[in-house]
PDB file of N, CA and C in Angstrom:
ATOM      1  N   MET A   1       0.870  -1.276  -0.299  1.00  0.00           N
ATOM      2  CA  MET A   1       0.165  -0.006   0.013  1.00  0.00           C
ATOM      3  C   MET A   1       0.733   1.146   0.107  1.00  0.00           C
ATOM      4  N   ALA A   2       0.868   1.867  -0.850  1.00  0.00           N
ATOM      5  CA  ALA A   2       1.267   3.349  -0.846  1.00  0.00           C
ATOM      6  C   ALA A   2       0.991   4.376   0.157  1.00  0.00           C
ATOM      7  N   LEU A   3       2.045   4.924   0.576  1.00  0.00           N
ATOM      8  CA  LEU A   3       0.793   6.386   1.043  1.00  0.00           C
ATOM      9  C   LEU A   3       1.076   7.116   0.293  1.00  0.00           C
ATOM     10  N   THR A   4       0.062   8.515   0.649  1.00  0.00           N
ATOM     11  CA  THR A   4      -0.585   9.542   0.052  1.00  0.00           C
ATOM     12  C   THR A   4      -0.182  10.949   1.020  1.00  0.00           C
ATOM     13  N   ARG A   5       0.158  11.371   0.689  1.00  0.00           N
ATOM     14  CA  ARG A   5       0.230  13.249   1.330  1.00  0.00           C
ATOM     15  C   ARG A   5      -0.399  13.943   0.745  1.00  0.00           C
ATOM     16  N   ASP A   6      -0.981  15.247   0.799  1.00  0.00           N
ATOM     17  CA  ASP A   6      -2.376  15.738   0.757  1.00  0.00           C
ATOM     18  C   ASP A   6      -1.126  15.750  -0.221  1.00  0.00           C
ATOM     19  N   ILE A   7      -1.038  17.324  -1.069  1.00  0.00           N
ATOM     20  CA  ILE A   7      -0.489  18.129  -2.283  1.00  0.00           C
ATOM     21  C   ILE A   7      -0.562  19.386  -1.335  1.00  0.00           C
ATOM     22  N   HIS A   8       0.124  20.641  -1.695  1.00  0.00           N
ATOM     23  CA  HIS A   8       0.362  21.763  -0.660  1.00  0.00           C
ATOM     24  C   HIS A   8       0.808  22.472  -1.897  1.00  0.00           C
ATOM     25  N   PRO A   9      -0.381  23.447  -2.657  1.00  0.00           N
ATOM     26  CA  PRO A   9       0.024  25.252  -3.206  1.00  0.00           C
ATOM     27  C   PRO A   9       0.650  25.219  -3.131  1.00  0.00           C
ATOM     28  N   MET A  10       2.073  26.061  -3.769  1.00  0.00           N
ATOM     29  CA  MET A  10       3.163  27.188  -2.843  1.00  0.00           C
ATOM     30  C   MET A  10       2.474  28.462  -3.339  1.00  0.00           C
ATOM     31  N   PRO A  11       2.529  28.821  -1.528  1.00  0.00           N
ATOM     32  CA  PRO A  11       2.158  30.221  -1.121  1.00  0.00           C
ATOM     33  C   PRO A  11       2.668  30.882  -2.564  1.00  0.00           C
ATOM     34  N   ALA A  12       1.863  32.370  -2.721  1.00  0.00           N
ATOM     35  CA  ALA A  12       3.426  33.655  -3.410  1.00  0.00           C
ATOM     36  C   ALA A  12       4.703  33.922  -2.382  1.00  0.00           C
ATOM     37  N   PHE A  13       3.914  34.379  -1.044  1.00  0.00           N
ATOM     38  CA  PHE A  13       5.506  34.309  -0.936  1.00  0.00           C
ATOM     39  C   PHE A  13       6.255  33.674  -0.193  1.00  0.00           C
ATOM     40  N   VAL A  14       6.172  32.498  -0.220  1.00  0.00           N
ATOM     41  CA  VAL A  14       6.857  31.224  -0.875  1.00  0.00           C
ATOM     42  C   VAL A  14       7.797  31.569  -1.911  1.00  0.00           C
ATOM     43  N   ALA A  15       6.870  31.327  -3.111  1.00  0.00           N
ATOM     44  CA  ALA A  15       8.104  31.499  -4.068  1.00  0.00           C
ATOM     45  C   ALA A  15       8.632  32.828  -4.040  1.00  0.00           C
ATOM     46  N   HIS A  16       8.302  33.717  -4.130  1.00  0.00           N
ATOM     47  CA  HIS A  16       8.775  35.295  -4.180  1.00  0.00           C
ATOM     48  C   HIS A  16      10.215  35.199  -3.142  1.00  0.00           C
ATOM     49  N   ALA A  17      10.341  34.532  -2.311  1.00  0.00           N
ATOM     50  CA  ALA A  17      11.258  34.445  -1.511  1.00  0.00           C
ATOM     51  C   ALA A  17      12.848  33.592  -2.454  1.00  0.00           C
ATOM     52  N   LEU A  18      11.800  32.110  -2.664  1.00  0.00           N
ATOM     53  CA  LEU A  18      13.189  31.396  -3.551  1.00  0.00           C
ATOM     54  C   LEU A  18      13.326  32.257  -4.890  1.00  0.00           C
ATOM     55  N   GLN A  19      13.019  33.292  -5.103  1.00  0.00           N
ATOM     56  CA  GLN A  19      13.600  33.877  -6.774  1.00  0.00           C
ATOM     57  C   GLN A  19      13.760  35.069  -6.049  1.00  0.00           C
ATOM     58  N   GLU A  20      14.196  35.344  -5.174  1.00  0.00           N
ATOM     59  CA  GLU A  20      14.567  36.875  -4.404  1.00  0.00           C
ATOM     60  C   GLU A  20      15.786  36.278  -3.991  1.00  0.00           C
ATOM     61  N   ARG A  21      16.284  35.586  -3.146  1.00  0.00           N
ATOM     62  CA  ARG A  21      17.297  34.481  -3.331  1.00  0.00           C
ATOM     63  C   ARG A  21      17.511  33.917  -4.061  1.00  0.00           C
ATOM     64  N   GLY A  22      17.599  33.699  -5.078  1.00  0.00           N
ATOM     65  CA  GLY A  22      18.139  32.680  -6.303  1.00  0.00           C
ATOM     66  C   GLY A  22      18.029  31.268  -5.844  1.00  0.00           C
ATOM     67  N   LEU A  23      17.368  30.553  -5.246  1.00  0.00           N
ATOM     68  CA  LEU A  23      17.201  29.276  -4.827  1.00  0.00           C
ATOM     69  C   LEU A  23      16.244  28.570  -5.914  1.00  0.00           C
ATOM     70  N   GLN A  24      15.211  28.638  -6.040  1.00  0.00           N
ATOM     71  CA  GLN A  24      14.762  28.128  -7.101  1.00  0.00           C
ATOM     72  C   GLN A  24      14.968  26.850  -7.432  1.00  0.00           C
ATOM     73  N   ALA A  25      16.271  27.245  -8.686  1.00  0.00           N
ATOM     74  CA  ALA A  25      16.710  25.421  -9.028  1.00  0.00           C
ATOM     75  C   ALA A  25      16.629  24.827  -8.099  1.00  0.00           C
ATOM     76  N   ALA A  26      17.623  25.404  -6.658  1.00  0.00           N
ATOM     77  CA  ALA A  26      17.676  24.053  -5.818  1.00  0.00           C
ATOM     78  C   ALA A  26      16.673  23.550  -5.391  1.00  0.00           C
ATOM     79  N   PHE A  27      15.480  24.718  -4.995  1.00  0.00           N
ATOM     80  CA  PHE A  27      14.286  24.236  -5.074  1.00  0.00           C
ATOM     81  C   PHE A  27      14.080  23.147  -5.973  1.00  0.00           C
ATOM     82  N   ASP A  28      13.672  22.809  -7.050  1.00  0.00           N
ATOM     83  CA  ASP A  28      13.176  22.846  -8.326  1.00  0.00           C
ATOM     84  C   ASP A  28      14.046  21.583  -8.102  1.00  0.00           C
ATOM     85  N   ALA A  29      15.246  20.954  -7.801  1.00  0.00           N
ATOM     86  CA  ALA A  29      15.794  19.301  -7.301  1.00  0.00           C
ATOM     87  C   ALA A  29      15.777  18.894  -6.619  1.00  0.00           C
ATOM     88  N   ARG A  30      15.468  19.063  -5.858  1.00  0.00           N
ATOM     89  CA  ARG A  30      15.402  18.454  -4.154  1.00  0.00           C
ATOM     90  C   ARG A  30      13.575  17.674  -4.914  1.00  0.00           C
ATOM     91  N   PRO A  31      13.840  16.044  -4.001  1.00  0.00           N
ATOM     92  CA  PRO A  31      12.888  15.561  -4.040  1.00  0.00           C
ATOM     93  C   PRO A  31      11.362  16.073  -4.040  1.00  0.00           C
ATOM     94  N   ALA A  32      11.134  15.305  -4.345  1.00  0.00           N
ATOM     95  CA  ALA A  32       9.235  16.340  -4.532  1.00  0.00           C
ATOM     96  C   ALA A  32       8.501  16.268  -3.530  1.00  0.00           C
ATOM     97  N   TYR A  33       8.933  14.802  -2.568  1.00  0.00           N
ATOM     98  CA  TYR A  33       7.955  14.772  -0.953  1.00  0.00           C
ATOM     99  C   TYR A  33       8.848  15.549  -0.344  1.00  0.00           C
ATOM    100  N   GLN A  34      10.024  16.355  -0.449  1.00  0.00           N
ATOM    101  CA  GLN A  34      10.345  17.428   0.248  1.00  0.00           C
ATOM    102  C   GLN A  34       9.967  18.859  -0.224  1.00  0.00           C
ATOM    103  N   LYS A  35      10.109  18.530  -1.451  1.00  0.00           N
ATOM    104  CA  LYS A  35       9.060  20.732  -1.589  1.00  0.00           C
ATOM    105  C   LYS A  35       8.208  20.349  -0.810  1.00  0.00           C
ATOM    106  N   ASN A  36       7.031  19.150  -1.064  1.00  0.00           N
ATOM    107  CA  ASN A  36       5.420  19.619  -0.407  1.00  0.00           C
ATOM    108  C   ASN A  36       5.938  19.904   1.007  1.00  0.00           C
ATOM    109  N   ASP A  37       6.512  18.878   1.290  1.00  0.00           N
ATOM    110  CA  ASP A  37       6.510  18.604   2.869  1.00  0.00           C
ATOM    111  C   ASP A  37       6.840  19.572   3.911  1.00  0.00           C
ATOM    112  N   TRP A  38       7.949  20.426   2.851  1.00  0.00           N
ATOM    113  CA  TRP A  38       8.475  22.320   3.229  1.00  0.00           C
ATOM    114  C   TRP A  38       7.129  22.844   3.535  1.00  0.00           C
ATOM    115  N   VAL A  39       6.368  23.193   1.984  1.00  0.00           N
ATOM    116  CA  VAL A  39       5.305  24.069   1.991  1.00  0.00           C
ATOM    117  C   VAL A  39       4.055  23.975   2.260  1.00  0.00           C
ATOM    118  N   GLY A  40       4.084  22.726   3.172  1.00  0.00           N
ATOM    119  CA  GLY A  40       2.726  22.826   3.725  1.00  0.00           C
ATOM    120  C   GLY A  40       3.635  23.360   5.591  1.00  0.00           C
ATOM    121  N   TRP A  41       4.530  22.675   5.552  1.00  0.00           N
ATOM    122  CA  TRP A  41       5.104  22.875   6.938  1.00  0.00           C
ATOM    123  C   TRP A  41       4.914  23.734   7.012  1.00  0.00           C
ATOM    124  N   ILE A  42       5.484  25.324   5.680  1.00  0.00           N
ATOM    125  CA  ILE A  42       4.671  26.338   6.519  1.00  0.00           C
ATOM    126  C   ILE A  42       3.905  27.161   6.519  1.00  0.00           C
ATOM    127  N   ALA A  43       2.933  26.438   5.224  1.00  0.00           N
ATOM    128  CA  ALA A  43       2.109  27.127   5.145  1.00  0.00           C
ATOM    129  C   ALA A  43       0.406  26.718   6.434  1.00  0.00           C
ATOM    130  N   ARG A  44       1.079  25.587   6.826  1.00  0.00           N
ATOM    131  CA  ARG A  44       0.545  25.939   8.901  1.00  0.00           C
ATOM    132  C   ARG A  44       1.111  26.479   9.519  1.00  0.00           C
ATOM    133  N   ALA A  45       1.602  26.628   9.812  1.00  0.00           N
ATOM    134  CA  ALA A  45       2.293  28.186  10.360  1.00  0.00           C
ATOM    135  C   ALA A  45       0.327  28.800  10.815  1.00  0.00           C
ATOM    136  N   LYS A  46       0.504  28.658  12.046  1.00  0.00           N
ATOM    137  CA  LYS A  46      -0.515  29.644  12.473  1.00  0.00           C
ATOM    138  C   LYS A  46       0.104  31.256  12.920  1.00  0.00           C
ATOM    139  N   ARG A  47       0.816  31.227  13.135  1.00  0.00           N
ATOM    140  CA  ARG A  47       1.153  32.984  13.722  1.00  0.00           C
ATOM    141  C   ARG A  47       2.819  33.318  12.768  1.00  0.00           C
ATOM    142  N   GLU A  48       1.797  34.415  11.928  1.00  0.00           N
ATOM    143  CA  GLU A  48       2.770  34.811  11.131  1.00  0.00           C
ATOM    144  C   GLU A  48       4.427  35.087  10.729  1.00  0.00           C
ATOM    145  N   ASP A  49       4.804  34.790  12.283  1.00  0.00           N
ATOM    146  CA  ASP A  49       6.245  34.634  12.690  1.00  0.00           C
ATOM    147  C   ASP A  49       6.765  33.425  13.026  1.00  0.00           C
ATOM    148  N   THR A  50       5.950  32.716  12.756  1.00  0.00           N
ATOM    149  CA  THR A  50       6.307  31.060  13.188  1.00  0.00           C
ATOM    150  C   THR A  50       6.764  30.340  12.128  1.00  0.00           C
ATOM    151  N   GLY A  51       5.949  31.178  10.420  1.00  0.00           N
ATOM    152  CA  GLY A  51       5.661  31.076   9.577  1.00  0.00           C
ATOM    153  C   GLY A  51       6.703  31.689   8.726  1.00  0.00           C
ATOM    154  N   GLN A  52       7.870  32.278   8.984  1.00  0.00           N
ATOM    155  CA  GLN A  52       8.574  33.307   8.578  1.00  0.00           C
ATOM    156  C   GLN A  52      10.048  32.824   9.666  1.00  0.00           C
ATOM    157  N   ARG A  53       9.943  32.242  10.316  1.00  0.00           N
ATOM    158  CA  ARG A  53      11.241  31.331  10.947  1.00  0.00           C
ATOM    159  C   ARG A  53      11.304  29.918  10.010  1.00  0.00           C
ATOM    160  N   ARG A  54      10.089  29.002  10.211  1.00  0.00           N
ATOM    161  CA  ARG A  54       9.925  28.003   8.673  1.00  0.00           C
ATOM    162  C   ARG A  54      10.926  28.576   7.849  1.00  0.00           C
ATOM    163  N   LEU A  55      10.070  28.739   7.331  1.00  0.00           N
ATOM    164  CA  LEU A  55      10.709  30.014   5.614  1.00  0.00           C
ATOM    165  C   LEU A  55      12.016  29.723   5.681  1.00  0.00           C
ATOM    166  N   GLU A  56      12.631  30.724   6.807  1.00  0.00           N
ATOM    167  CA  GLU A  56      14.353  30.894   6.590  1.00  0.00           C
ATOM    168  C   GLU A  56      15.021  29.528   7.163  1.00  0.00           C
ATOM    169  N   LYS A  57      14.829  28.957   7.785  1.00  0.00           N
ATOM    170  CA  LYS A  57      14.633  27.346   8.155  1.00  0.00           C
ATOM    171  C   LYS A  57      15.045  26.860   6.755  1.00  0.00           C
ATOM    172  N   MET A  58      13.874  26.375   6.076  1.00  0.00           N
ATOM    173  CA  MET A  58      13.845  26.192   4.635  1.00  0.00           C
ATOM    174  C   MET A  58      14.887  27.031   3.183  1.00  0.00           C
ATOM    175  N   LEU A  59      14.699  28.149   3.880  1.00  0.00           N
ATOM    176  CA  LEU A  59      15.804  28.653   3.002  1.00  0.00           C
ATOM    177  C   LEU A  59      17.210  28.899   3.373  1.00  0.00           C
ATOM    178  N   SER A  60      17.498  28.658   4.203  1.00  0.00           N
ATOM    179  CA  SER A  60      19.029  28.427   5.098  1.00  0.00           C
ATOM    180  C   SER A  60      20.020  26.808   4.223  1.00  0.00           C
ATOM    181  N   GLU A  61      19.095  26.269   4.716  1.00  0.00           N
ATOM    182  CA  GLU A  61      18.919  24.337   4.120  1.00  0.00           C
ATOM    183  C   GLU A  61      19.342  24.562   2.947  1.00  0.00           C
ATOM    184  N   LEU A  62      18.540  25.141   2.145  1.00  0.00           N
ATOM    185  CA  LEU A  62      19.241  25.309   0.178  1.00  0.00           C
ATOM    186  C   LEU A  62      19.646  25.629   0.168  1.00  0.00           C
ATOM    187  N   ALA A  63      20.215  26.521   0.842  1.00  0.00           N
ATOM    188  CA  ALA A  63      21.214  27.497   0.086  1.00  0.00           C
ATOM    189  C   ALA A  63      23.071  26.935   0.409  1.00  0.00           C
ATOM    190  N   ALA A  64      22.379  26.313   2.240  1.00  0.00           N
ATOM    191  CA  ALA A  64      23.230  24.993   2.343  1.00  0.00           C
ATOM    192  C   ALA A  64      23.978  23.673   1.698  1.00  0.00           C
ATOM    193  N   GLY A  65      22.770  23.452   0.537  1.00  0.00           N
ATOM    194  CA  GLY A  65      22.701  22.571   0.133  1.00  0.00           C
ATOM    195  C   GLY A  65      22.812  21.399   0.170  1.00  0.00           C
ATOM    196  N   HIS A  66      22.649  21.087   1.695  1.00  0.00           N
ATOM    197  CA  HIS A  66      22.101  20.221   2.257  1.00  0.00           C
ATOM    198  C   HIS A  66      21.652  20.409   3.743  1.00  0.00           C
ATOM    199  N   GLY A  67      20.116  19.500   3.988  1.00  0.00           N
ATOM    200  CA  GLY A  67      19.785  19.467   4.917  1.00  0.00           C
ATOM    201  C   GLY A  67      18.602  18.983   4.386  1.00  0.00           C
ATOM    202  N   TYR A  68      17.427  18.758   5.502  1.00  0.00           N
ATOM    203  CA  TYR A  68      16.219  18.936   5.305  1.00  0.00           C
ATOM    204  C   TYR A  68      14.917  18.752   6.153  1.00  0.00           C
ATOM    205  N   MET A  69      14.821  20.127   6.793  1.00  0.00           N
ATOM    206  CA  MET A  69      13.625  20.011   8.046  1.00  0.00           C
ATOM    207  C   MET A  69      14.416  19.630   8.879  1.00  0.00           C
ATOM    208  N   GLY A  70      16.039  19.872   8.974  1.00  0.00           N
ATOM    209  CA  GLY A  70      16.470  19.562  10.433  1.00  0.00           C
ATOM    210  C   GLY A  70      17.498  18.524  10.333  1.00  0.00           C
ATOM    211  N   MET A  71      16.675  17.350   9.508  1.00  0.00           N
ATOM    212  CA  MET A  71      17.985  16.061   9.095  1.00  0.00           C
ATOM    213  C   MET A  71      18.911  16.139   8.431  1.00  0.00           C
ATOM    214  N   GLU A  72      20.116  15.431   8.157  1.00  0.00           N
ATOM    215  CA  GLU A  72      20.718  15.844   7.207  1.00  0.00           C
ATOM    216  C   GLU A  72      20.178  15.004   6.384  1.00  0.00           C
ATOM    217  N   TRP A  73      20.669  15.790   4.566  1.00  0.00           N
ATOM    218  CA  TRP A  73      19.989  15.222   3.721  1.00  0.00           C
ATOM    219  C   TRP A  73      21.319  15.511   2.536  1.00  0.00           C
ATOM    220  N   TYR A  74      21.772  14.166   1.476  1.00  0.00           N
ATOM    221  CA  TYR A  74      22.567  15.066   0.715  1.00  0.00           C
ATOM    222  C   TYR A  74      21.354  14.466  -0.905  1.00  0.00           C
ATOM    223  N   PRO A  75      22.018  15.016  -1.780  1.00  0.00           N
ATOM    224  CA  PRO A  75      21.920  14.478  -2.762  1.00  0.00           C
ATOM    225  C   PRO A  75      22.743  14.034  -3.424  1.00  0.00           C
ATOM    226  N   LYS A  76      21.810  12.826  -4.230  1.00  0.00           N
ATOM    227  CA  LYS A  76      22.529  10.970  -4.208  1.00  0.00           C
ATOM    228  C   LYS A  76      23.515  11.610  -5.285  1.00  0.00           C
ATOM    229  N   PRO A  77      24.439  11.278  -5.677  1.00  0.00           N
ATOM    230  CA  PRO A  77      26.103  11.928  -7.149  1.00  0.00           C
ATOM    231  C   PRO A  77      24.715  11.545  -8.395  1.00  0.00           C
ATOM    232  N   ARG A  78      25.063  11.982  -8.846  1.00  0.00           N
ATOM    233  CA  ARG A  78      24.527  12.013 -10.455  1.00  0.00           C
ATOM    234  C   ARG A  78      25.588  10.633 -10.980  1.00  0.00           C
ATOM    235  N   LYS A  79      25.368   9.837 -11.692  1.00  0.00           N
ATOM    236  CA  LYS A  79      25.954   8.767 -12.498  1.00  0.00           C
ATOM    237  C   LYS A  79      26.531   9.076 -14.228  1.00  0.00           C
ATOM    238  N   GLU A  80      27.635   8.998 -14.096  1.00  0.00           N
ATOM    239  CA  GLU A  80      27.984   9.465 -15.501  1.00  0.00           C
ATOM    240  C   GLU A  80      27.143   8.741 -16.967  1.00  0.00           C
ATOM    241  N   ASP A  81      27.530   9.498 -17.745  1.00  0.00           N
ATOM    242  CA  ASP A  81      26.778   8.969 -18.596  1.00  0.00           C
ATOM    243  C   ASP A  81      27.865   7.629 -18.906  1.00  0.00           C
TER     244      ASP A  81
END
């Protein structure tokens, strides 16, 4: 049985922050589950300051090139053709 997750739409302020910081390509390169989890995590914040803190966490992990919601994560090495 496959697990299913709700698909979260990208809030405009998150898309704007990714573009403004030049991190859209880094975000797009992540697996779909990570992108969806981050967007949902940010969007579910009840307080604006919590959402901003979560957004900053995501942006810093993308800028570092590793990490996913506070956990170690590194992209898989690409196979040579």
